[in-house]
Amino acid sequence: MFNRKQVVLAGAVLAAMPLVSKAVTITYQFDPNDLVYSADGAFDDSVPLVNTGTTANPIVTVPVSATGQIGIGVDADVTGNANPASGAAYDNAHATKQAANLGFVSYQVGLSDSKASVAAVTDNGSGGTTATVDPIFVANSAAGNLDGAGGVSVATGTAGTINLAGKSATTAGAIANTDYGANAFAEIFSGMAITAKAAGTAVFSLLDQDGALQYAHNVNSGSGGTTAANAPTYTNQTYNNPPDVLSALPTLTVNVTGVVTGHPIVALTAASGGAPTLYGTSQGTLTVTGSNGSYKPASKVLSPAVSAGYVEGKTFTPATDTEIYALDVTTSGGAQDNADAAIIASQITGTGIVASTTPPSPAFASTGTYNLYVTFSGAGVPSGDNFFGFDLSQATGIAAGDTISAVALVPEPASAAFLLVGSAGMLMGRRKRMA
């Protein structure tokens, strides 16, 4: 998961043992789980970016934004590095579990940028505090890694190390972490941020410092002995080509346009299919009461207000009744933003979906709380309980700091009396939040 504080920077690279003929293959990739977009740049509203390229060379589309940022991380994988100590005499005699395959030890990578005027690395953790990533790679944050051309200098780039030098297994068990990234991608760093500055395309290419690239190496597999003197020993082995192979380094293509593509501004999906993955985090549950055209609405103040999120709407009878979601679109300062609500409404489309800035029912007029209404009816309503997701980063032409500060669910038709009760509760919640 993307964590802005988990940035591995400027770690020391350990001295290596003499070169051995091992013929391992090392592969890097941009972590698909860390490839996210944050409209506010704080990564508290992150949504996954849609990759229209390949796993090896992803392509994403984001909007020009003064605050929005792309989050990225990098994984590594080591293959062809079987551990001769696994299942050997010492291993079996002491019921230890030496790793079957040995993995990654250290790295030092950078990132080049083909067009810094379009998109550039703007935060790689410079000036941060000591951080631990996954619980293995440890290094200190340091300034000076940005190369001045939109990327990160490979000479002083992100780095990390596992210290295996001179360590050996004992009767207590196997050496920890020797199999990190062995035959499976494992994260080596996350938390780098890229800002989209102008329309166009920028290609970010991963750079590698071969001399800092190391993998775990078994020095002594036990030689068939079972005493402590025969315990397997491990150290750091520097990448050596040939015979070692470094797979083609990945690239990340960032297309900068007026809108993030990949999913609608709002969506209504069946709860039976699981929570939505493109609409931030859960903002709670809206449970309506009543049935057959006589409902009591459910409402919720969102504190803090968010630009992306989802709520679960529950207990409709019948399950296919029309659903109206009312939202309060607000500025970064908390004031209602009716102009941007109108822009958002004009961009919400779909079968059985109608968006408006005026209440679809006269009863809504008594609330005075919301400025965007989205009605789902007919084919637009999945049967049963549903998730309603919203993501303002998908809208064009609105302020970057816009958020949703309140949401309500009112099945149609609903009684005016019930709506007045819901409105009063919402307004009380608003006053408490602003106090």
Protein backbone atom coordinates (compact mmCIF):
# COMPACT_ATOMS: atom_id res chain seq x y z
CA MET A 1 0.00 0.00 0.00
CA PHE A 2 1.31 3.51 -0.85
CA ASN A 3 2.64 5.37 2.19
CA ARG A 4 4.15 8.78 1.56
CA LYS A 5 6.41 8.41 4.63
CA GLN A 6 7.81 5.09 3.41
CA VAL A 7 10.51 6.57 1.22
CA VAL A 8 13.87 4.82 1.17
CA LEU A 9 16.71 7.22 0.57
CA ALA A 10 20.49 7.31 0.30
CA GLY A 11 21.35 4.09 2.14
CA ALA A 12 24.85 2.68 2.38
CA VAL A 13 25.84 -0.22 0.12
CA LEU A 14 27.81 -3.01 1.82
CA ALA A 15 31.10 -4.43 0.63
CA ALA A 16 30.66 -7.63 -1.34
CA MET A 17 32.42 -10.97 -1.38
CA PRO A 18 34.57 -11.91 -4.39
CA LEU A 19 32.55 -12.48 -7.55
CA VAL A 20 31.04 -15.90 -8.10
CA SER A 21 29.52 -17.49 -11.16
CA LYS A 22 25.86 -17.59 -10.23
CA ALA A 23 23.85 -16.48 -13.26
CA VAL A 24 20.94 -14.94 -11.41
CA THR A 25 18.33 -12.73 -13.08
CA ILE A 26 17.18 -9.50 -11.43
CA THR A 27 14.04 -7.68 -12.53
CA TYR A 28 12.55 -4.37 -11.45
CA GLN A 29 8.96 -3.20 -11.87
CA PHE A 30 6.84 -0.24 -10.86
CA ASP A 31 4.68 -1.57 -8.02
CA PRO A 32 1.10 -1.78 -9.40
CA ASN A 33 -0.32 -1.31 -5.89
CA ASP A 34 1.63 1.91 -5.35
CA LEU A 35 0.60 3.50 -8.65
CA VAL A 36 -2.02 5.91 -7.30
CA TYR A 37 -3.29 9.47 -7.72
CA SER A 38 -4.02 11.96 -4.96
CA ALA A 39 -6.07 15.00 -5.91
CA ASP A 40 -4.97 16.95 -2.82
CA GLY A 41 -1.36 15.77 -2.92
CA ALA A 42 -1.50 14.57 0.69
CA PHE A 43 -2.32 10.95 -0.29
CA ASP A 44 -5.22 10.76 2.14
CA ASP A 45 -7.59 10.47 -0.85
CA SER A 46 -5.53 8.14 -3.05
CA VAL A 47 -7.24 6.19 -5.82
CA PRO A 48 -5.58 3.55 -8.03
CA LEU A 49 -4.59 4.74 -11.48
CA VAL A 50 -5.78 2.76 -14.49
CA ASN A 51 -2.80 1.24 -16.31
CA THR A 52 -3.40 1.21 -20.06
CA GLY A 53 0.09 -0.14 -20.76
CA THR A 54 1.69 -3.32 -19.43
CA THR A 55 2.85 -4.43 -16.00
CA ALA A 56 6.45 -3.98 -17.13
CA ASN A 57 5.85 -0.54 -18.69
CA PRO A 58 2.72 1.11 -17.29
CA ILE A 59 0.94 4.03 -18.92
CA VAL A 60 -1.31 6.33 -16.88
CA THR A 61 -3.33 9.47 -17.54
CA VAL A 62 -3.68 12.31 -15.01
CA PRO A 63 -4.90 15.92 -15.05
CA VAL A 64 -2.87 19.09 -14.92
CA SER A 65 -3.06 20.07 -11.26
CA ALA A 66 -1.30 22.40 -8.86
CA THR A 67 -1.93 19.99 -5.99
CA GLY A 68 -2.54 16.53 -7.46
CA GLN A 69 0.30 14.01 -7.37
CA ILE A 70 1.07 10.53 -8.68
CA GLY A 71 2.50 8.09 -6.15
CA ILE A 72 4.93 5.39 -7.28
CA GLY A 73 6.99 2.58 -5.80
CA VAL A 74 9.37 -0.03 -7.19
CA ASP A 75 9.61 -3.80 -6.66
CA ALA A 76 12.47 -6.22 -7.34
CA ASP A 77 12.62 -9.93 -8.09
CA VAL A 78 15.60 -12.34 -8.05
CA THR A 79 15.42 -15.70 -9.86
CA GLY A 80 17.96 -18.46 -10.46
CA ASN A 81 19.44 -18.19 -6.97
CA ALA A 82 18.70 -21.52 -5.32
CA ASN A 83 20.02 -22.00 -1.78
CA PRO A 84 22.13 -25.18 -1.40
CA ALA A 85 21.79 -24.98 2.38
CA SER A 86 18.02 -25.48 2.25
CA GLY A 87 17.27 -29.02 3.33
CA ALA A 88 20.97 -29.86 3.77
CA ALA A 89 22.39 -31.81 6.69
CA TYR A 90 22.62 -28.89 9.11
CA ASP A 91 19.15 -27.66 8.17
CA ASN A 92 17.59 -31.07 8.77
CA ALA A 93 19.55 -31.80 11.94
CA HIS A 94 18.38 -28.62 13.63
CA ALA A 95 14.86 -28.39 12.20
CA THR A 96 15.68 -25.02 10.71
CA LYS A 97 14.14 -23.70 7.53
CA GLN A 98 16.78 -22.12 5.37
CA ALA A 99 15.14 -20.34 2.43
CA ALA A 100 14.84 -22.50 -0.69
CA ASN A 101 15.80 -19.50 -2.84
CA LEU A 102 17.86 -16.43 -1.98
CA GLY A 103 16.78 -12.92 -2.82
CA PHE A 104 17.59 -9.25 -2.93
CA VAL A 105 20.12 -7.50 -0.68
CA SER A 106 20.75 -3.95 -1.89
CA TYR A 107 19.96 -1.50 -4.65
CA GLN A 108 20.55 2.07 -5.75
CA VAL A 109 18.25 3.42 -8.42
CA GLY A 110 17.35 6.71 -10.05
CA LEU A 111 14.70 7.94 -12.43
CA SER A 112 15.14 9.92 -15.64
CA ASP A 113 12.43 12.21 -16.98
CA SER A 114 11.93 12.77 -20.71
CA LYS A 115 9.98 16.01 -20.27
CA ALA A 116 10.19 17.77 -16.92
CA SER A 117 7.99 20.61 -18.18
CA VAL A 118 5.08 18.13 -18.39
CA ALA A 119 5.62 16.05 -15.23
CA ALA A 120 8.41 15.89 -12.68
CA VAL A 121 9.39 14.19 -9.43
CA THR A 122 8.62 16.73 -6.74
CA ASP A 123 8.85 14.69 -3.54
CA ASN A 124 11.19 11.81 -2.87
CA GLY A 125 11.23 12.25 0.87
CA SER A 126 14.07 14.77 1.10
CA GLY A 127 14.37 16.12 4.61
CA GLY A 128 12.21 13.36 6.08
CA THR A 129 13.04 11.09 9.00
CA THR A 130 14.56 7.63 9.09
CA ALA A 131 12.10 5.15 7.60
CA THR A 132 11.76 1.41 7.31
CA VAL A 133 10.15 -0.07 4.23
CA ASP A 134 8.55 -3.50 4.44
CA PRO A 135 10.46 -4.37 7.47
CA ILE A 136 13.77 -4.78 5.73
CA PHE A 137 15.33 -1.97 3.73
CA VAL A 138 16.44 0.81 6.03
CA ALA A 139 18.08 4.09 5.12
CA ASN A 140 18.15 7.77 6.02
CA SER A 141 16.39 10.53 4.17
CA ALA A 142 18.71 13.08 2.65
CA ALA A 143 18.34 16.12 0.45
CA GLY A 144 19.91 16.41 -2.97
CA ASN A 145 18.44 13.41 -4.75
CA LEU A 146 16.36 15.41 -7.25
CA ASP A 147 18.48 15.81 -10.37
CA GLY A 148 17.09 19.16 -11.47
CA ALA A 149 15.66 17.66 -14.66
CA GLY A 150 12.46 16.19 -13.29
CA GLY A 151 14.00 12.92 -12.12
CA VAL A 152 16.18 11.47 -9.38
CA SER A 153 19.96 11.18 -9.70
CA VAL A 154 21.11 7.58 -9.77
CA ALA A 155 24.37 8.61 -8.10
CA THR A 156 22.53 9.79 -4.99
CA GLY A 157 19.27 8.03 -5.69
CA THR A 158 16.95 5.93 -3.61
CA ALA A 159 18.88 3.11 -1.96
CA GLY A 160 18.54 0.43 0.67
CA THR A 161 20.43 -2.51 2.14
CA ILE A 162 19.95 -5.72 4.10
CA ASN A 163 23.09 -6.44 6.10
CA LEU A 164 23.87 -10.13 5.61
CA ALA A 165 27.66 -9.89 5.54
CA GLY A 166 29.33 -12.47 7.77
CA LYS A 167 26.06 -13.79 9.21
CA SER A 168 25.46 -17.49 9.72
CA ALA A 169 22.60 -19.69 10.83
CA THR A 170 22.65 -21.15 14.32
CA THR A 171 20.76 -23.86 16.12
CA ALA A 172 18.14 -21.18 16.82
CA GLY A 173 17.07 -21.10 13.20
CA ALA A 174 17.64 -19.66 9.76
CA ILE A 175 18.87 -16.21 8.80
CA ALA A 176 15.97 -13.78 8.39
CA ASN A 177 15.31 -11.95 5.13
CA THR A 178 17.63 -13.98 2.91
CA ASP A 179 14.72 -14.74 0.58
CA TYR A 180 13.38 -11.20 0.16
CA GLY A 181 12.19 -10.91 -3.44
CA ALA A 182 13.27 -14.46 -4.26
CA ASN A 183 11.13 -15.76 -7.15
CA ALA A 184 8.48 -13.15 -6.33
CA PHE A 185 8.36 -9.36 -6.60
CA ALA A 186 8.88 -7.54 -3.30
CA GLU A 187 8.76 -3.83 -2.63
CA ILE A 188 12.08 -2.03 -2.27
CA PHE A 189 10.73 1.48 -1.90
CA SER A 190 7.54 3.48 -2.10
CA GLY A 191 6.43 7.03 -1.55
CA MET A 192 7.94 8.90 -4.50
CA ALA A 193 5.62 11.61 -5.85
CA ILE A 194 5.29 13.03 -9.37
CA THR A 195 3.42 16.24 -10.19
CA ALA A 196 1.70 16.82 -13.55
CA LYS A 197 2.43 20.39 -14.64
CA ALA A 198 1.28 20.79 -18.25
CA ALA A 199 -0.50 18.88 -21.00
CA GLY A 200 1.72 16.40 -22.84
CA THR A 201 3.59 13.16 -22.23
CA ALA A 202 6.55 12.44 -19.96
CA VAL A 203 8.36 9.09 -19.80
CA PHE A 204 10.11 8.14 -16.57
CA SER A 205 12.83 5.50 -17.02
CA LEU A 206 14.26 3.59 -14.08
CA LEU A 207 18.06 3.83 -13.77
CA ASP A 208 20.25 1.31 -11.95
CA GLN A 209 23.65 1.60 -10.28
CA ASP A 210 25.04 -1.86 -11.06
CA GLY A 211 27.82 -1.60 -8.48
CA ALA A 212 25.24 -1.16 -5.73
CA LEU A 213 23.06 -4.05 -6.86
CA GLN A 214 23.54 -7.08 -4.63
CA TYR A 215 21.81 -10.35 -3.87
CA ALA A 216 22.13 -12.91 -1.07
CA HIS A 217 24.81 -15.56 -1.55
CA ASN A 218 25.34 -18.78 0.37
CA VAL A 219 29.03 -19.07 1.29
CA ASN A 220 28.88 -22.30 3.26
CA SER A 221 26.04 -24.76 2.85
CA GLY A 222 27.29 -26.78 5.81
CA SER A 223 29.52 -29.23 3.92
CA GLY A 224 27.35 -32.04 5.17
CA GLY A 225 28.13 -31.36 8.83
CA THR A 226 25.61 -30.85 11.60
CA THR A 227 27.58 -28.96 14.27
CA ALA A 228 27.52 -25.22 14.82
CA ALA A 229 30.76 -24.96 12.87
CA ASN A 230 28.89 -26.22 9.83
CA ALA A 231 26.05 -23.67 10.04
CA PRO A 232 25.19 -22.12 6.66
CA THR A 233 26.77 -18.71 6.09
CA TYR A 234 25.46 -15.90 3.90
CA THR A 235 26.85 -12.69 2.50
CA ASN A 236 26.10 -9.99 -0.05
CA GLN A 237 27.08 -10.76 -3.63
CA THR A 238 27.50 -7.90 -6.11
CA TYR A 239 25.69 -8.21 -9.43
CA ASN A 240 28.15 -9.33 -12.11
CA ASN A 241 27.29 -9.35 -15.80
CA PRO A 242 28.03 -11.82 -17.24
CA PRO A 243 26.82 -14.27 -16.04
CA ASP A 244 24.17 -12.36 -14.07
CA VAL A 245 21.35 -10.74 -16.02
CA LEU A 246 19.49 -7.50 -15.33
CA SER A 247 16.16 -7.51 -17.14
CA ALA A 248 15.17 -4.50 -19.23
CA LEU A 249 14.55 -1.60 -16.87
CA PRO A 250 10.90 -0.48 -16.78
CA THR A 251 9.45 2.83 -17.91
CA LEU A 252 6.44 4.75 -16.66
CA THR A 253 4.59 6.87 -19.23
CA VAL A 254 2.53 9.73 -17.83
CA ASN A 255 -0.01 11.32 -20.16
CA VAL A 256 -1.15 14.66 -18.79
CA THR A 257 -4.57 15.89 -19.93
CA GLY A 258 -7.52 17.72 -18.44
CA VAL A 259 -8.97 14.69 -16.71
CA VAL A 260 -7.99 11.42 -15.08
CA THR A 261 -9.46 8.68 -17.26
CA GLY A 262 -10.54 5.26 -16.24
CA HIS A 263 -13.71 5.55 -14.16
CA PRO A 264 -16.83 7.75 -13.85
CA ILE A 265 -17.20 10.61 -11.39
CA VAL A 266 -19.91 8.62 -9.58
CA ALA A 267 -20.94 4.97 -9.61
CA LEU A 268 -23.57 2.76 -8.01
CA THR A 269 -22.54 -0.90 -7.66
CA ALA A 270 -24.06 -3.91 -5.95
CA ALA A 271 -22.73 -4.51 -2.44
CA SER A 272 -22.69 -8.22 -3.23
CA GLY A 273 -19.76 -7.53 -5.58
CA GLY A 274 -17.59 -6.08 -2.82
CA ALA A 275 -16.48 -2.56 -1.98
CA PRO A 276 -15.38 -0.38 -4.93
CA THR A 277 -11.62 -0.13 -5.52
CA LEU A 278 -11.50 3.14 -7.46
CA TYR A 279 -13.30 5.46 -5.06
CA GLY A 280 -11.07 6.08 -2.08
CA THR A 281 -12.08 4.76 1.32
CA SER A 282 -15.37 3.95 3.03
CA GLN A 283 -17.23 6.94 4.47
CA GLY A 284 -19.74 4.80 6.34
CA THR A 285 -23.23 3.41 5.82
CA LEU A 286 -26.53 5.10 4.97
CA THR A 287 -29.43 2.95 6.20
CA VAL A 288 -32.87 4.02 5.09
CA THR A 289 -36.02 2.90 6.89
CA GLY A 290 -39.48 2.37 5.45
CA SER A 291 -40.63 0.73 2.26
CA ASN A 292 -42.75 1.01 -0.87
CA GLY A 293 -42.44 4.73 -1.45
CA SER A 294 -42.47 5.86 2.18
CA TYR A 295 -38.91 6.14 3.42
CA LYS A 296 -36.97 7.95 6.08
CA PRO A 297 -33.71 9.24 4.51
CA ALA A 298 -30.23 8.64 5.84
CA SER A 299 -27.53 11.32 5.91
CA LYS A 300 -23.96 11.74 7.03
CA VAL A 301 -21.56 14.64 7.53
CA LEU A 302 -18.10 13.67 6.27
CA SER A 303 -15.42 14.80 8.68
CA PRO A 304 -12.98 15.44 7.26
CA ALA A 305 -14.49 16.23 3.88
CA VAL A 306 -13.00 14.13 1.05
CA SER A 307 -12.69 14.38 -2.71
CA ALA A 308 -13.14 10.63 -3.21
CA GLY A 309 -14.91 7.97 -1.18
CA TYR A 310 -17.91 5.68 -1.03
CA VAL A 311 -20.89 4.91 1.21
CA GLU A 312 -23.07 1.84 1.42
CA GLY A 313 -26.82 2.34 0.95
CA LYS A 314 -28.93 -0.29 2.69
CA THR A 315 -32.41 -1.72 3.25
CA PHE A 316 -34.55 -0.81 0.24
CA THR A 317 -37.95 -2.44 -0.16
CA PRO A 318 -38.28 -3.22 -2.98
CA ALA A 319 -34.55 -3.48 -3.69
CA THR A 320 -34.87 -1.86 -7.12
CA ASP A 321 -36.49 1.40 -5.93
CA THR A 322 -35.09 4.60 -7.40
CA GLU A 323 -32.24 5.99 -5.31
CA ILE A 324 -31.31 9.67 -5.02
CA TYR A 325 -27.97 10.63 -3.51
CA ALA A 326 -27.56 14.24 -2.41
CA LEU A 327 -24.07 15.66 -1.98
CA ASP A 328 -22.63 18.89 -0.66
CA VAL A 329 -19.80 20.07 -2.92
CA THR A 330 -17.59 22.45 -0.96
CA THR A 331 -14.39 24.44 -1.47
CA SER A 332 -11.16 23.76 0.39
CA GLY A 333 -12.34 26.38 2.87
CA GLY A 334 -15.60 24.55 3.57
CA ALA A 335 -17.99 26.88 1.70
CA GLN A 336 -20.58 25.51 -0.69
CA ASP A 337 -19.29 25.58 -4.28
CA ASN A 338 -22.45 25.79 -6.37
CA ALA A 339 -20.59 26.71 -9.55
CA ASP A 340 -18.40 23.62 -9.43
CA ALA A 341 -21.39 21.48 -8.44
CA ALA A 342 -23.02 22.55 -11.73
CA ILE A 343 -19.88 21.64 -13.68
CA ILE A 344 -19.76 18.21 -12.03
CA ALA A 345 -23.46 17.60 -12.71
CA SER A 346 -22.94 18.34 -16.40
CA GLN A 347 -20.23 15.67 -16.62
CA ILE A 348 -22.15 12.85 -14.90
CA THR A 349 -23.73 10.60 -17.51
CA GLY A 350 -24.84 7.00 -17.88
CA THR A 351 -27.82 4.74 -18.44
CA GLY A 352 -30.43 5.36 -15.76
CA ILE A 353 -28.34 8.16 -14.18
CA VAL A 354 -29.42 11.81 -13.98
CA ALA A 355 -27.45 14.54 -12.17
CA SER A 356 -28.79 17.96 -11.25
CA THR A 357 -28.15 20.91 -8.97
CA THR A 358 -31.86 21.27 -8.24
CA PRO A 359 -33.73 18.83 -5.99
CA PRO A 360 -35.47 16.09 -8.02
CA SER A 361 -38.27 16.10 -5.43
CA PRO A 362 -40.03 19.15 -3.90
CA ALA A 363 -39.26 17.69 -0.49
CA PHE A 364 -35.56 18.36 -1.01
CA ALA A 365 -36.21 22.11 -1.08
CA SER A 366 -36.70 22.06 2.68
CA THR A 367 -33.17 20.85 3.34
CA GLY A 368 -31.06 23.71 1.98
CA THR A 369 -27.99 21.57 2.59
CA TYR A 370 -26.93 20.02 -0.71
CA ASN A 371 -26.03 21.33 -4.15
CA LEU A 372 -25.63 18.16 -6.23
CA TYR A 373 -28.22 15.42 -6.69
CA VAL A 374 -27.66 12.13 -8.50
CA THR A 375 -30.67 9.94 -9.32
CA PHE A 376 -30.29 6.25 -10.19
CA SER A 377 -33.35 4.54 -11.65
CA GLY A 378 -34.27 1.58 -13.82
CA ALA A 379 -31.15 0.00 -15.31
CA GLY A 380 -29.01 2.31 -13.18
CA VAL A 381 -30.03 0.59 -9.94
CA PRO A 382 -28.44 -2.76 -9.03
CA SER A 383 -30.75 -4.97 -6.99
CA GLY A 384 -30.12 -5.07 -3.24
CA ASP A 385 -27.82 -3.00 -1.04
CA ASN A 386 -25.44 -0.83 -3.03
CA PHE A 387 -22.18 1.11 -2.83
CA PHE A 388 -22.26 4.72 -4.04
CA GLY A 389 -18.80 5.97 -5.00
CA PHE A 390 -17.66 9.48 -5.93
CA ASP A 391 -14.34 10.84 -7.15
CA LEU A 392 -14.01 14.54 -7.96
CA SER A 393 -10.58 14.02 -9.53
CA GLN A 394 -12.45 12.63 -12.53
CA ALA A 395 -14.16 15.98 -13.19
CA THR A 396 -12.63 18.68 -15.37
CA GLY A 397 -12.65 22.43 -14.84
CA ILE A 398 -13.25 22.43 -11.08
CA ALA A 399 -11.04 23.68 -8.26
CA ALA A 400 -8.37 21.21 -7.13
CA GLY A 401 -9.41 21.56 -3.48
CA ASP A 402 -13.10 20.74 -3.93
CA THR A 403 -14.47 18.07 -1.60
CA ILE A 404 -17.71 16.39 -0.57
CA SER A 405 -18.60 17.39 2.99
CA ALA A 406 -21.96 15.63 3.36
CA VAL A 407 -23.99 12.94 1.64
CA ALA A 408 -27.58 11.76 1.99
CA LEU A 409 -29.63 8.94 0.50
CA VAL A 410 -33.31 9.44 -0.18
CA PRO A 411 -35.25 6.73 -2.02
CA GLU A 412 -37.89 8.27 -4.24
CA PRO A 413 -40.59 9.09 -3.41
CA ALA A 414 -40.00 10.13 0.21
CA SER A 415 -42.16 12.07 2.58
CA ALA A 416 -41.47 15.76 3.24
CA ALA A 417 -41.79 15.16 6.98
CA PHE A 418 -39.02 12.59 6.93
CA LEU A 419 -36.82 14.90 4.89
CA LEU A 420 -37.27 17.73 7.38
CA VAL A 421 -36.13 15.43 10.18
CA GLY A 422 -33.08 14.40 8.15
CA SER A 423 -32.25 18.02 7.34
CA ALA A 424 -32.41 19.10 10.95
CA GLY A 425 -30.05 16.32 11.97
CA MET A 426 -27.64 17.25 9.21
CA LEU A 427 -27.61 20.92 10.14
CA MET A 428 -26.95 20.07 13.79
CA GLY A 429 -24.04 17.92 12.66
CA ARG A 430 -22.71 20.80 10.54
CA ARG A 431 -22.78 23.26 13.45
CA LYS A 432 -20.97 20.79 15.69
CA ARG A 433 -18.27 20.19 13.06
CA MET A 434 -17.68 23.92 12.51
CA ALA A 435 -17.59 24.83 16.19
